[in-house]
């Protein structure tokens, strides 16, 4: 049992990533985020810095009991499901998908949020 826990921790750490500012900018630009719905690349980078400090494994608890996940700090009340908290799961993803080095699910969900609520959702 201890070996399995250790293995899971190693896998979790291996999939975590803290982006540099420039690396994140390149990734977001390649994913079509520059100018998406009028939001500049600079604003996306600043948002990620403020929300997660570029850390894909960031999780924060809110006063209502919900949690924010990943590099964009996407909330599980509305956008993803952690299987424990009631969620609308509008992005139709598990919150754990927002905690990996591959931020493609994060980007898809962030685009959904901006389409529905604009950048002011953050």
PDB file of N, CA and C in Angstrom:
ATOM      1  N   UNK A   1       0.823  -1.193   0.000  1.00  0.00           N
ATOM      2  CA  UNK A   1       0.000   0.000   0.000  1.00  0.00           C
ATOM      3  C   UNK A   1       0.867   1.257   0.000  1.00  0.00           C
ATOM      4  N   UNK A   2       1.912   1.281   0.801  1.00  0.00           N
ATOM      5  CA  UNK A   2       2.788   2.442   0.854  1.00  0.00           C
ATOM      6  C   UNK A   2       3.450   2.694  -0.492  1.00  0.00           C
ATOM      7  N   UNK A   3       3.760   1.636  -1.203  1.00  0.00           N
ATOM      8  CA  UNK A   3       4.398   1.769  -2.514  1.00  0.00           C
ATOM      9  C   UNK A   3       3.444   2.441  -3.497  1.00  0.00           C
ATOM     10  N   UNK A   4       2.169   2.073  -3.447  1.00  0.00           N
ATOM     11  CA  UNK A   4       1.175   2.683  -4.342  1.00  0.00           C
ATOM     12  C   UNK A   4       1.017   4.173  -4.061  1.00  0.00           C
ATOM     13  N   UNK A   5       0.977   4.540  -2.804  1.00  0.00           N
ATOM     14  CA  UNK A   5       0.866   5.952  -2.441  1.00  0.00           C
ATOM     15  C   UNK A   5       2.083   6.716  -2.940  1.00  0.00           C
ATOM     16  N   UNK A   6       3.258   6.151  -2.741  1.00  0.00           N
ATOM     17  CA  UNK A   6       4.483   6.788  -3.210  1.00  0.00           C
ATOM     18  C   UNK A   6       4.475   6.914  -4.732  1.00  0.00           C
ATOM     19  N   UNK A   7       4.042   5.876  -5.428  1.00  0.00           N
ATOM     20  CA  UNK A   7       3.973   5.901  -6.883  1.00  0.00           C
ATOM     21  C   UNK A   7       3.015   6.984  -7.364  1.00  0.00           C
ATOM     22  N   UNK A   8       1.858   7.104  -6.722  1.00  0.00           N
ATOM     23  CA  UNK A   8       0.896   8.146  -7.085  1.00  0.00           C
ATOM     24  C   UNK A   8       1.471   9.541  -6.867  1.00  0.00           C
ATOM     25  N   UNK A   9       2.198   9.724  -5.786  1.00  0.00           N
ATOM     26  CA  UNK A   9       2.825  11.020  -5.525  1.00  0.00           C
ATOM     27  C   UNK A   9       3.876  11.348  -6.570  1.00  0.00           C
ATOM     28  N   UNK A  10       4.655  10.367  -6.969  1.00  0.00           N
ATOM     29  CA  UNK A  10       5.681  10.581  -7.990  1.00  0.00           C
ATOM     30  C   UNK A  10       5.030  10.955  -9.312  1.00  0.00           C
ATOM     31  N   UNK A  11       3.943  10.265  -9.679  1.00  0.00           N
ATOM     32  CA  UNK A  11       3.238  10.572 -10.922  1.00  0.00           C
ATOM     33  C   UNK A  11       2.656  11.971 -10.863  1.00  0.00           C
ATOM     34  N   UNK A  12       2.064  12.349  -9.743  1.00  0.00           N
ATOM     35  CA  UNK A  12       1.473  13.682  -9.597  1.00  0.00           C
ATOM     36  C   UNK A  12       2.531  14.762  -9.724  1.00  0.00           C
ATOM     37  N   UNK A  13       3.672  14.568  -9.088  1.00  0.00           N
ATOM     38  CA  UNK A  13       4.751  15.553  -9.165  1.00  0.00           C
ATOM     39  C   UNK A  13       5.310  15.617 -10.577  1.00  0.00           C
ATOM     40  N   UNK A  14       5.411  14.471 -11.231  1.00  0.00           N
ATOM     41  CA  UNK A  14       5.957  14.430 -12.585  1.00  0.00           C
ATOM     42  C   UNK A  14       5.050  15.160 -13.568  1.00  0.00           C
ATOM     43  N   UNK A  15       3.737  15.194 -13.312  1.00  0.00           N
ATOM     44  CA  UNK A  15       2.828  15.839 -14.248  1.00  0.00           C
ATOM     45  C   UNK A  15       2.606  17.313 -13.919  1.00  0.00           C
ATOM     46  N   UNK A  16       3.153  17.782 -12.811  1.00  0.00           N
ATOM     47  CA  UNK A  16       3.012  19.189 -12.423  1.00  0.00           C
ATOM     48  C   UNK A  16       3.983  20.040 -13.230  1.00  0.00           C
ATOM     49  N   UNK A  17       3.607  21.310 -13.391  1.00  0.00           N
ATOM     50  CA  UNK A  17       4.501  22.196 -14.119  1.00  0.00           C
ATOM     51  C   UNK A  17       4.277  23.624 -13.637  1.00  0.00           C
ATOM     52  N   UNK A  18       5.353  24.350 -13.509  1.00  0.00           N
ATOM     53  CA  UNK A  18       5.284  25.786 -13.276  1.00  0.00           C
ATOM     54  C   UNK A  18       5.891  26.431 -14.520  1.00  0.00           C
ATOM     55  N   UNK A  19       5.036  27.077 -15.304  1.00  0.00           N
ATOM     56  CA  UNK A  19       5.467  27.706 -16.539  1.00  0.00           C
ATOM     57  C   UNK A  19       6.298  28.950 -16.253  1.00  0.00           C
ATOM     58  N   UNK A  20       7.199  29.269 -17.148  1.00  0.00           N
ATOM     59  CA  UNK A  20       7.806  30.597 -17.135  1.00  0.00           C
ATOM     60  C   UNK A  20       6.832  31.517 -17.870  1.00  0.00           C
ATOM     61  N   UNK A  21       6.968  32.798 -17.663  1.00  0.00           N
ATOM     62  CA  UNK A  21       6.078  33.760 -18.320  1.00  0.00           C
ATOM     63  C   UNK A  21       6.144  33.630 -19.837  1.00  0.00           C
ATOM     64  N   UNK A  22       7.341  33.540 -20.374  1.00  0.00           N
ATOM     65  CA  UNK A  22       7.507  33.465 -21.831  1.00  0.00           C
ATOM     66  C   UNK A  22       6.992  32.147 -22.390  1.00  0.00           C
ATOM     67  N   UNK A  23       7.255  31.062 -21.680  1.00  0.00           N
ATOM     68  CA  UNK A  23       6.769  29.754 -22.130  1.00  0.00           C
ATOM     69  C   UNK A  23       5.242  29.729 -22.153  1.00  0.00           C
ATOM     70  N   UNK A  24       4.623  30.303 -21.123  1.00  0.00           N
ATOM     71  CA  UNK A  24       3.167  30.362 -21.087  1.00  0.00           C
ATOM     72  C   UNK A  24       2.641  31.208 -22.238  1.00  0.00           C
ATOM     73  N   UNK A  25       3.247  32.356 -22.480  1.00  0.00           N
ATOM     74  CA  UNK A  25       2.817  33.230 -23.579  1.00  0.00           C
ATOM     75  C   UNK A  25       2.873  32.496 -24.912  1.00  0.00           C
ATOM     76  N   UNK A  26       3.961  31.755 -25.156  1.00  0.00           N
ATOM     77  CA  UNK A  26       4.083  30.990 -26.407  1.00  0.00           C
ATOM     78  C   UNK A  26       2.993  29.926 -26.499  1.00  0.00           C
ATOM     79  N   UNK A  27       2.730  29.233 -25.386  1.00  0.00           N
ATOM     80  CA  UNK A  27       1.721  28.175 -25.364  1.00  0.00           C
ATOM     81  C   UNK A  27       0.324  28.742 -25.616  1.00  0.00           C
ATOM     82  N   UNK A  28       0.011  29.834 -24.951  1.00  0.00           N
ATOM     83  CA  UNK A  28      -1.307  30.450 -25.121  1.00  0.00           C
ATOM     84  C   UNK A  28      -1.482  30.989 -26.542  1.00  0.00           C
ATOM     85  N   UNK A  29      -0.435  31.603 -27.075  1.00  0.00           N
ATOM     86  CA  UNK A  29      -0.515  32.129 -28.439  1.00  0.00           C
ATOM     87  C   UNK A  29      -0.751  31.002 -29.438  1.00  0.00           C
ATOM     88  N   UNK A  30      -0.038  29.900 -29.273  1.00  0.00           N
ATOM     89  CA  UNK A  30      -0.204  28.751 -30.179  1.00  0.00           C
ATOM     90  C   UNK A  30      -1.615  28.166 -30.090  1.00  0.00           C
ATOM     91  N   UNK A  31      -2.260  28.342 -28.953  1.00  0.00           N
ATOM     92  CA  UNK A  31      -3.614  27.808 -28.746  1.00  0.00           C
ATOM     93  C   UNK A  31      -4.702  28.808 -29.142  1.00  0.00           C
ATOM     94  N   UNK A  32      -4.316  29.928 -29.724  1.00  0.00           N
ATOM     95  CA  UNK A  32      -5.296  30.890 -30.194  1.00  0.00           C
ATOM     96  C   UNK A  32      -5.876  31.791 -29.117  1.00  0.00           C
ATOM     97  N   UNK A  33      -5.167  31.959 -28.009  1.00  0.00           N
ATOM     98  CA  UNK A  33      -5.680  32.789 -26.919  1.00  0.00           C
ATOM     99  C   UNK A  33      -5.396  34.275 -27.124  1.00  0.00           C
ATOM    100  N   UNK A  34      -4.416  34.620 -27.955  1.00  0.00           N
ATOM    101  CA  UNK A  34      -4.085  36.025 -28.187  1.00  0.00           C
ATOM    102  C   UNK A  34      -5.227  36.682 -28.955  1.00  0.00           C
ATOM    103  N   UNK A  35      -5.918  37.594 -28.298  1.00  0.00           N
ATOM    104  CA  UNK A  35      -7.044  38.272 -28.919  1.00  0.00           C
ATOM    105  C   UNK A  35      -8.355  37.505 -28.862  1.00  0.00           C
ATOM    106  N   UNK A  36      -8.370  36.343 -28.213  1.00  0.00           N
ATOM    107  CA  UNK A  36      -9.603  35.564 -28.130  1.00  0.00           C
ATOM    108  C   UNK A  36     -10.687  36.377 -27.425  1.00  0.00           C
ATOM    109  N   UNK A  37     -11.778  36.595 -28.127  1.00  0.00           N
ATOM    110  CA  UNK A  37     -12.903  37.391 -27.611  1.00  0.00           C
ATOM    111  C   UNK A  37     -12.446  38.742 -27.066  1.00  0.00           C
ATOM    112  N   UNK A  38     -11.416  39.298 -27.712  1.00  0.00           N
ATOM    113  CA  UNK A  38     -10.937  40.626 -27.334  1.00  0.00           C
ATOM    114  C   UNK A  38      -9.978  40.657 -26.155  1.00  0.00           C
ATOM    115  N   UNK A  39      -9.564  39.500 -25.665  1.00  0.00           N
ATOM    116  CA  UNK A  39      -8.655  39.435 -24.511  1.00  0.00           C
ATOM    117  C   UNK A  39      -7.222  39.303 -25.030  1.00  0.00           C
ATOM    118  N   UNK A  40      -6.387  40.250 -24.675  1.00  0.00           N
ATOM    119  CA  UNK A  40      -4.999  40.246 -25.157  1.00  0.00           C
ATOM    120  C   UNK A  40      -4.196  39.122 -24.515  1.00  0.00           C
ATOM    121  N   UNK A  41      -3.142  38.746 -25.188  1.00  0.00           N
ATOM    122  CA  UNK A  41      -2.221  37.755 -24.638  1.00  0.00           C
ATOM    123  C   UNK A  41      -1.641  38.246 -23.312  1.00  0.00           C
ATOM    124  N   UNK A  42      -1.306  39.526 -23.246  1.00  0.00           N
ATOM    125  CA  UNK A  42      -0.771  40.097 -22.004  1.00  0.00           C
ATOM    126  C   UNK A  42      -1.763  39.944 -20.851  1.00  0.00           C
ATOM    127  N   UNK A  43      -3.048  40.152 -21.122  1.00  0.00           N
ATOM    128  CA  UNK A  43      -4.049  39.998 -20.061  1.00  0.00           C
ATOM    129  C   UNK A  43      -4.168  38.551 -19.599  1.00  0.00           C
ATOM    130  N   UNK A  44      -4.082  37.596 -20.526  1.00  0.00           N
ATOM    131  CA  UNK A  44      -4.118  36.184 -20.131  1.00  0.00           C
ATOM    132  C   UNK A  44      -2.928  35.846 -19.235  1.00  0.00           C
ATOM    133  N   UNK A  45      -1.747  36.311 -19.632  1.00  0.00           N
ATOM    134  CA  UNK A  45      -0.531  36.015 -18.855  1.00  0.00           C
ATOM    135  C   UNK A  45      -0.629  36.651 -17.470  1.00  0.00           C
ATOM    136  N   UNK A  46      -1.110  37.873 -17.392  1.00  0.00           N
ATOM    137  CA  UNK A  46      -1.278  38.531 -16.086  1.00  0.00           C
ATOM    138  C   UNK A  46      -2.306  37.808 -15.232  1.00  0.00           C
ATOM    139  N   UNK A  47      -3.392  37.355 -15.854  1.00  0.00           N
ATOM    140  CA  UNK A  47      -4.426  36.622 -15.132  1.00  0.00           C
ATOM    141  C   UNK A  47      -3.844  35.343 -14.508  1.00  0.00           C
ATOM    142  N   UNK A  48      -3.097  34.589 -15.307  1.00  0.00           N
ATOM    143  CA  UNK A  48      -2.500  33.339 -14.813  1.00  0.00           C
ATOM    144  C   UNK A  48      -1.490  33.618 -13.703  1.00  0.00           C
ATOM    145  N   UNK A  49      -0.713  34.670 -13.857  1.00  0.00           N
ATOM    146  CA  UNK A  49       0.236  35.023 -12.807  1.00  0.00           C
ATOM    147  C   UNK A  49      -0.499  35.310 -11.500  1.00  0.00           C
ATOM    148  N   UNK A  50      -1.551  36.105 -11.578  1.00  0.00           N
ATOM    149  CA  UNK A  50      -2.301  36.480 -10.371  1.00  0.00           C
ATOM    150  C   UNK A  50      -3.055  35.296  -9.766  1.00  0.00           C
ATOM    151  N   UNK A  51      -3.597  34.426 -10.605  1.00  0.00           N
ATOM    152  CA  UNK A  51      -4.425  33.327 -10.123  1.00  0.00           C
ATOM    153  C   UNK A  51      -3.618  32.153  -9.572  1.00  0.00           C
ATOM    154  N   UNK A  52      -2.547  31.774 -10.265  1.00  0.00           N
ATOM    155  CA  UNK A  52      -1.849  30.534  -9.898  1.00  0.00           C
ATOM    156  C   UNK A  52      -0.336  30.647  -9.851  1.00  0.00           C
ATOM    157  N   UNK A  53       0.206  31.821 -10.122  1.00  0.00           N
ATOM    158  CA  UNK A  53       1.661  31.990 -10.226  1.00  0.00           C
ATOM    159  C   UNK A  53       2.262  31.010 -11.231  1.00  0.00           C
ATOM    160  N   UNK A  54       1.513  30.761 -12.326  1.00  0.00           N
ATOM    161  CA  UNK A  54       1.943  29.894 -13.428  1.00  0.00           C
ATOM    162  C   UNK A  54       2.025  28.417 -13.037  1.00  0.00           C
ATOM    163  N   UNK A  55       1.404  28.031 -11.930  1.00  0.00           N
ATOM    164  CA  UNK A  55       1.497  26.673 -11.399  1.00  0.00           C
ATOM    165  C   UNK A  55       0.283  25.850 -11.834  1.00  0.00           C
ATOM    166  N   UNK A  56       0.519  24.779 -12.578  1.00  0.00           N
ATOM    167  CA  UNK A  56      -0.582  23.940 -13.062  1.00  0.00           C
ATOM    168  C   UNK A  56      -1.259  23.156 -11.938  1.00  0.00           C
ATOM    169  N   UNK A  57      -0.599  22.990 -10.808  1.00  0.00           N
ATOM    170  CA  UNK A  57      -1.155  22.193  -9.711  1.00  0.00           C
ATOM    171  C   UNK A  57      -1.834  23.033  -8.626  1.00  0.00           C
ATOM    172  N   UNK A  58      -2.034  24.314  -8.884  1.00  0.00           N
ATOM    173  CA  UNK A  58      -2.640  25.188  -7.875  1.00  0.00           C
ATOM    174  C   UNK A  58      -4.094  24.786  -7.600  1.00  0.00           C
ATOM    175  N   UNK A  59      -4.426  24.670  -6.316  1.00  0.00           N
ATOM    176  CA  UNK A  59      -5.805  24.425  -5.864  1.00  0.00           C
ATOM    177  C   UNK A  59      -6.053  25.379  -4.701  1.00  0.00           C
ATOM    178  N   UNK A  60      -7.161  26.095  -4.768  1.00  0.00           N
ATOM    179  CA  UNK A  60      -7.518  27.011  -3.689  1.00  0.00           C
ATOM    180  C   UNK A  60      -8.965  26.795  -3.289  1.00  0.00           C
ATOM    181  N   UNK A  61      -9.207  26.833  -1.987  1.00  0.00           N
ATOM    182  CA  UNK A  61     -10.551  26.651  -1.440  1.00  0.00           C
ATOM    183  C   UNK A  61     -11.223  28.010  -1.260  1.00  0.00           C
ATOM    184  N   UNK A  62     -12.486  28.090  -1.624  1.00  0.00           N
ATOM    185  CA  UNK A  62     -13.273  29.314  -1.498  1.00  0.00           C
ATOM    186  C   UNK A  62     -14.172  29.250  -0.274  1.00  0.00           C
ATOM    187  N   UNK A  63     -14.671  30.392   0.154  1.00  0.00           N
ATOM    188  CA  UNK A  63     -15.488  30.464   1.368  1.00  0.00           C
ATOM    189  C   UNK A  63     -16.788  29.667   1.260  1.00  0.00           C
ATOM    190  N   UNK A  64     -17.280  29.428   0.041  1.00  0.00           N
ATOM    191  CA  UNK A  64     -18.512  28.652  -0.134  1.00  0.00           C
ATOM    192  C   UNK A  64     -18.261  27.142  -0.180  1.00  0.00           C
ATOM    193  N   UNK A  65     -16.999  26.736  -0.016  1.00  0.00           N
ATOM    194  CA  UNK A  65     -16.648  25.321  -0.040  1.00  0.00           C
ATOM    195  C   UNK A  65     -16.205  24.820  -1.405  1.00  0.00           C
ATOM    196  N   UNK A  66     -16.418  25.615  -2.442  1.00  0.00           N
ATOM    197  CA  UNK A  66     -15.952  25.222  -3.772  1.00  0.00           C
ATOM    198  C   UNK A  66     -14.437  25.408  -3.842  1.00  0.00           C
ATOM    199  N   UNK A  67     -13.854  24.876  -4.911  1.00  0.00           N
ATOM    200  CA  UNK A  67     -12.408  25.005  -5.103  1.00  0.00           C
ATOM    201  C   UNK A  67     -12.101  25.480  -6.506  1.00  0.00           C
ATOM    202  N   UNK A  68     -10.961  26.138  -6.631  1.00  0.00           N
ATOM    203  CA  UNK A  68     -10.455  26.594  -7.921  1.00  0.00           C
ATOM    204  C   UNK A  68      -9.248  25.732  -8.275  1.00  0.00           C
ATOM    205  N   UNK A  69      -9.186  25.326  -9.549  1.00  0.00           N
ATOM    206  CA  UNK A  69      -8.185  24.348  -9.979  1.00  0.00           C
ATOM    207  C   UNK A  69      -7.338  24.850 -11.137  1.00  0.00           C
ATOM    208  N   UNK A  70      -6.056  24.516 -11.075  1.00  0.00           N
ATOM    209  CA  UNK A  70      -5.161  24.672 -12.201  1.00  0.00           C
ATOM    210  C   UNK A  70      -4.645  26.068 -12.449  1.00  0.00           C
ATOM    211  N   UNK A  71      -4.048  26.209 -13.593  1.00  0.00           N
ATOM    212  CA  UNK A  71      -3.323  27.425 -13.948  1.00  0.00           C
ATOM    213  C   UNK A  71      -4.240  28.637 -14.075  1.00  0.00           C
ATOM    214  N   UNK A  72      -5.516  28.414 -14.483  1.00  0.00           N
ATOM    215  CA  UNK A  72      -6.493  29.503 -14.577  1.00  0.00           C
ATOM    216  C   UNK A  72      -7.389  29.591 -13.346  1.00  0.00           C
ATOM    217  N   UNK A  73      -7.217  28.665 -12.391  1.00  0.00           N
ATOM    218  CA  UNK A  73      -8.056  28.623 -11.189  1.00  0.00           C
ATOM    219  C   UNK A  73      -9.542  28.554 -11.555  1.00  0.00           C
ATOM    220  N   UNK A  74      -9.887  27.466 -12.227  1.00  0.00           N
ATOM    221  CA  UNK A  74     -11.246  27.224 -12.709  1.00  0.00           C
ATOM    222  C   UNK A  74     -12.063  26.579 -11.598  1.00  0.00           C
ATOM    223  N   UNK A  75     -13.239  27.140 -11.332  1.00  0.00           N
ATOM    224  CA  UNK A  75     -14.059  26.774 -10.181  1.00  0.00           C
ATOM    225  C   UNK A  75     -14.895  25.523 -10.428  1.00  0.00           C
ATOM    226  N   UNK A  76     -14.941  24.664  -9.399  1.00  0.00           N
ATOM    227  CA  UNK A  76     -15.678  23.414  -9.529  1.00  0.00           C
ATOM    228  C   UNK A  76     -17.179  23.553  -9.268  1.00  0.00           C
ATOM    229  N   UNK A  77     -17.646  24.688  -8.837  1.00  0.00           N
ATOM    230  CA  UNK A  77     -19.101  24.872  -8.697  1.00  0.00           C
ATOM    231  C   UNK A  77     -19.753  24.930 -10.080  1.00  0.00           C
ATOM    232  N   UNK A  78     -19.050  25.521 -11.039  1.00  0.00           N
ATOM    233  CA  UNK A  78     -19.639  25.756 -12.352  1.00  0.00           C
ATOM    234  C   UNK A  78     -18.962  25.005 -13.494  1.00  0.00           C
ATOM    235  N   UNK A  79     -17.655  24.881 -13.477  1.00  0.00           N
ATOM    236  CA  UNK A  79     -16.947  24.551 -14.714  1.00  0.00           C
ATOM    237  C   UNK A  79     -16.370  23.152 -14.788  1.00  0.00           C
ATOM    238  N   UNK A  80     -15.988  22.550 -13.674  1.00  0.00           N
ATOM    239  CA  UNK A  80     -15.418  21.198 -13.671  1.00  0.00           C
ATOM    240  C   UNK A  80     -15.998  20.428 -12.497  1.00  0.00           C
ATOM    241  N   UNK A  81     -15.810  19.119 -12.504  1.00  0.00           N
ATOM    242  CA  UNK A  81     -16.321  18.305 -11.402  1.00  0.00           C
ATOM    243  C   UNK A  81     -15.180  17.598 -10.681  1.00  0.00           C
ATOM    244  N   UNK A  82     -15.194  17.698  -9.350  1.00  0.00           N
ATOM    245  CA  UNK A  82     -14.211  16.945  -8.573  1.00  0.00           C
ATOM    246  C   UNK A  82     -14.838  15.696  -7.965  1.00  0.00           C
ATOM    247  N   UNK A  83     -16.108  15.437  -8.267  1.00  0.00           N
ATOM    248  CA  UNK A  83     -16.792  14.244  -7.787  1.00  0.00           C
ATOM    249  C   UNK A  83     -17.273  14.336  -6.354  1.00  0.00           C
ATOM    250  N   UNK A  84     -17.022  15.452  -5.689  1.00  0.00           N
ATOM    251  CA  UNK A  84     -17.410  15.609  -4.291  1.00  0.00           C
ATOM    252  C   UNK A  84     -18.338  16.790  -4.071  1.00  0.00           C
ATOM    253  N   UNK A  85     -18.137  17.848  -4.817  1.00  0.00           N
ATOM    254  CA  UNK A  85     -18.890  19.092  -4.634  1.00  0.00           C
ATOM    255  C   UNK A  85     -19.928  19.196  -5.760  1.00  0.00           C
ATOM    256  N   UNK A  86     -21.169  19.587  -5.459  1.00  0.00           N
ATOM    257  CA  UNK A  86     -22.169  19.739  -6.530  1.00  0.00           C
ATOM    258  C   UNK A  86     -21.667  20.707  -7.604  1.00  0.00           C
ATOM    259  N   UNK A  87     -21.738  20.303  -8.859  1.00  0.00           N
ATOM    260  CA  UNK A  87     -21.172  21.100  -9.944  1.00  0.00           C
ATOM    261  C   UNK A  87     -22.073  21.070 -11.169  1.00  0.00           C
ATOM    262  N   UNK A  88     -22.140  22.190 -11.872  1.00  0.00           N
ATOM    263  CA  UNK A  88     -22.819  22.221 -13.176  1.00  0.00           C
ATOM    264  C   UNK A  88     -21.911  21.602 -14.239  1.00  0.00           C
ATOM    265  N   UNK A  89     -20.604  21.580 -14.008  1.00  0.00           N
ATOM    266  CA  UNK A  89     -19.608  20.987 -14.908  1.00  0.00           C
ATOM    267  C   UNK A  89     -19.823  21.415 -16.357  1.00  0.00           C
ATOM    268  N   UNK A  90     -19.911  22.710 -16.561  1.00  0.00           N
ATOM    269  CA  UNK A  90     -20.187  23.253 -17.892  1.00  0.00           C
ATOM    270  C   UNK A  90     -19.102  22.875 -18.900  1.00  0.00           C
ATOM    271  N   UNK A  91     -17.855  22.782 -18.469  1.00  0.00           N
ATOM    272  CA  UNK A  91     -16.768  22.387 -19.375  1.00  0.00           C
ATOM    273  C   UNK A  91     -16.723  20.873 -19.590  1.00  0.00           C
ATOM    274  N   UNK A  92     -17.522  20.133 -18.839  1.00  0.00           N
ATOM    275  CA  UNK A  92     -17.619  18.670 -18.945  1.00  0.00           C
ATOM    276  C   UNK A  92     -16.262  17.984 -18.815  1.00  0.00           C
ATOM    277  N   UNK A  93     -15.561  18.353 -17.733  1.00  0.00           N
ATOM    278  CA  UNK A  93     -14.258  17.749 -17.452  1.00  0.00           C
ATOM    279  C   UNK A  93     -14.122  17.490 -15.958  1.00  0.00           C
ATOM    280  N   UNK A  94     -13.233  16.588 -15.640  1.00  0.00           N
ATOM    281  CA  UNK A  94     -12.850  16.370 -14.255  1.00  0.00           C
ATOM    282  C   UNK A  94     -11.873  17.476 -13.861  1.00  0.00           C
ATOM    283  N   UNK A  95     -12.012  17.990 -12.666  1.00  0.00           N
ATOM    284  CA  UNK A  95     -11.094  19.039 -12.196  1.00  0.00           C
ATOM    285  C   UNK A  95      -9.650  18.558 -12.212  1.00  0.00           C
ATOM    286  N   UNK A  96      -9.427  17.264 -12.040  1.00  0.00           N
ATOM    287  CA  UNK A  96      -8.062  16.739 -12.041  1.00  0.00           C
ATOM    288  C   UNK A  96      -7.381  16.950 -13.396  1.00  0.00           C
ATOM    289  N   UNK A  97      -8.156  17.062 -14.476  1.00  0.00           N
ATOM    290  CA  UNK A  97      -7.582  17.330 -15.793  1.00  0.00           C
ATOM    291  C   UNK A  97      -6.958  18.723 -15.856  1.00  0.00           C
ATOM    292  N   UNK A  98      -7.319  19.586 -14.930  1.00  0.00           N
ATOM    293  CA  UNK A  98      -6.808  20.950 -14.912  1.00  0.00           C
ATOM    294  C   UNK A  98      -5.517  21.076 -14.116  1.00  0.00           C
ATOM    295  N   UNK A  99      -5.001  19.956 -13.618  1.00  0.00           N
ATOM    296  CA  UNK A  99      -3.830  19.980 -12.736  1.00  0.00           C
ATOM    297  C   UNK A  99      -2.580  19.382 -13.370  1.00  0.00           C
ATOM    298  N   UNK A 100      -2.586  19.178 -14.672  1.00  0.00           N
ATOM    299  CA  UNK A 100      -1.451  18.537 -15.338  1.00  0.00           C
ATOM    300  C   UNK A 100      -0.614  19.559 -16.102  1.00  0.00           C
ATOM    301  N   UNK A 101       0.540  19.119 -16.541  1.00  0.00           N
ATOM    302  CA  UNK A 101       1.430  19.973 -17.333  1.00  0.00           C
ATOM    303  C   UNK A 101       0.833  20.284 -18.699  1.00  0.00           C
ATOM    304  N   UNK A 102      -0.044  19.419 -19.185  1.00  0.00           N
ATOM    305  CA  UNK A 102      -0.744  19.654 -20.454  1.00  0.00           C
ATOM    306  C   UNK A 102      -1.936  20.557 -20.157  1.00  0.00           C
ATOM    307  N   UNK A 103      -1.864  21.813 -20.573  1.00  0.00           N
ATOM    308  CA  UNK A 103      -2.918  22.767 -20.221  1.00  0.00           C
ATOM    309  C   UNK A 103      -3.975  22.910 -21.326  1.00  0.00           C
ATOM    310  N   UNK A 104      -4.044  21.961 -22.239  1.00  0.00           N
ATOM    311  CA  UNK A 104      -5.024  22.078 -23.322  1.00  0.00           C
ATOM    312  C   UNK A 104      -6.457  22.051 -22.786  1.00  0.00           C
ATOM    313  N   UNK A 105      -6.754  21.211 -21.789  1.00  0.00           N
ATOM    314  CA  UNK A 105      -8.101  21.191 -21.198  1.00  0.00           C
ATOM    315  C   UNK A 105      -8.389  22.505 -20.478  1.00  0.00           C
ATOM    316  N   UNK A 106      -7.384  23.061 -19.810  1.00  0.00           N
ATOM    317  CA  UNK A 106      -7.521  24.351 -19.129  1.00  0.00           C
ATOM    318  C   UNK A 106      -7.874  25.448 -20.142  1.00  0.00           C
ATOM    319  N   UNK A 107      -7.186  25.430 -21.265  1.00  0.00           N
ATOM    320  CA  UNK A 107      -7.402  26.448 -22.292  1.00  0.00           C
ATOM    321  C   UNK A 107      -8.798  26.310 -22.888  1.00  0.00           C
ATOM    322  N   UNK A 108      -9.224  25.083 -23.198  1.00  0.00           N
ATOM    323  CA  UNK A 108     -10.576  24.872 -23.737  1.00  0.00           C
ATOM    324  C   UNK A 108     -11.628  25.391 -22.763  1.00  0.00           C
ATOM    325  N   UNK A 109     -11.453  25.092 -21.484  1.00  0.00           N
ATOM    326  CA  UNK A 109     -12.412  25.524 -20.481  1.00  0.00           C
ATOM    327  C   UNK A 109     -12.369  27.047 -20.302  1.00  0.00           C
ATOM    328  N   UNK A 110     -11.188  27.640 -20.297  1.00  0.00           N
ATOM    329  CA  UNK A 110     -11.073  29.102 -20.179  1.00  0.00           C
ATOM    330  C   UNK A 110     -11.786  29.784 -21.345  1.00  0.00           C
ATOM    331  N   UNK A 111     -11.670  29.217 -22.538  1.00  0.00           N
ATOM    332  CA  UNK A 111     -12.378  29.769 -23.695  1.00  0.00           C
ATOM    333  C   UNK A 111     -13.894  29.673 -23.503  1.00  0.00           C
ATOM    334  N   UNK A 112     -14.358  28.557 -22.958  1.00  0.00           N
ATOM    335  CA  UNK A 112     -15.790  28.399 -22.679  1.00  0.00           C
ATOM    336  C   UNK A 112     -16.263  29.455 -21.688  1.00  0.00           C
ATOM    337  N   UNK A 113     -15.474  29.663 -20.637  1.00  0.00           N
ATOM    338  CA  UNK A 113     -15.826  30.659 -19.620  1.00  0.00           C
ATOM    339  C   UNK A 113     -15.927  32.043 -20.245  1.00  0.00           C
ATOM    340  N   UNK A 114     -14.952  32.405 -21.065  1.00  0.00           N
ATOM    341  CA  UNK A 114     -14.952  33.732 -21.691  1.00  0.00           C
ATOM    342  C   UNK A 114     -16.109  33.863 -22.676  1.00  0.00           C
ATOM    343  N   UNK A 115     -16.423  32.801 -23.411  1.00  0.00           N
ATOM    344  CA  UNK A 115     -17.577  32.854 -24.317  1.00  0.00           C
ATOM    345  C   UNK A 115     -18.874  33.129 -23.548  1.00  0.00           C
ATOM    346  N   UNK A 116     -18.997  32.527 -22.370  1.00  0.00           N
ATOM    347  CA  UNK A 116     -20.238  32.640 -21.613  1.00  0.00           C
ATOM    348  C   UNK A 116     -20.303  33.860 -20.692  1.00  0.00           C
ATOM    349  N   UNK A 117     -19.167  34.230 -20.096  1.00  0.00           N
ATOM    350  CA  UNK A 117     -19.206  35.287 -19.077  1.00  0.00           C
ATOM    351  C   UNK A 117     -18.218  36.424 -19.322  1.00  0.00           C
ATOM    352  N   UNK A 118     -17.349  36.267 -20.298  1.00  0.00           N
ATOM    353  CA  UNK A 118     -16.326  37.286 -20.528  1.00  0.00           C
ATOM    354  C   UNK A 118     -15.179  37.128 -19.537  1.00  0.00           C
ATOM    355  N   UNK A 119     -14.160  37.933 -19.716  1.00  0.00           N
ATOM    356  CA  UNK A 119     -12.966  37.858 -18.875  1.00  0.00           C
ATOM    357  C   UNK A 119     -13.272  38.291 -17.443  1.00  0.00           C
ATOM    358  N   UNK A 120     -14.354  39.026 -17.244  1.00  0.00           N
ATOM    359  CA  UNK A 120     -14.722  39.471 -15.894  1.00  0.00           C
ATOM    360  C   UNK A 120     -15.126  38.316 -14.982  1.00  0.00           C
ATOM    361  N   UNK A 121     -15.279  37.116 -15.525  1.00  0.00           N
ATOM    362  CA  UNK A 121     -15.564  35.939 -14.692  1.00  0.00           C
ATOM    363  C   UNK A 121     -14.467  35.718 -13.659  1.00  0.00           C
ATOM    364  N   UNK A 122     -13.264  36.183 -13.968  1.00  0.00           N
ATOM    365  CA  UNK A 122     -12.162  36.059 -13.031  1.00  0.00           C
ATOM    366  C   UNK A 122     -12.127  37.263 -12.131  1.00  0.00           C
TER     367      UNK A 122
END
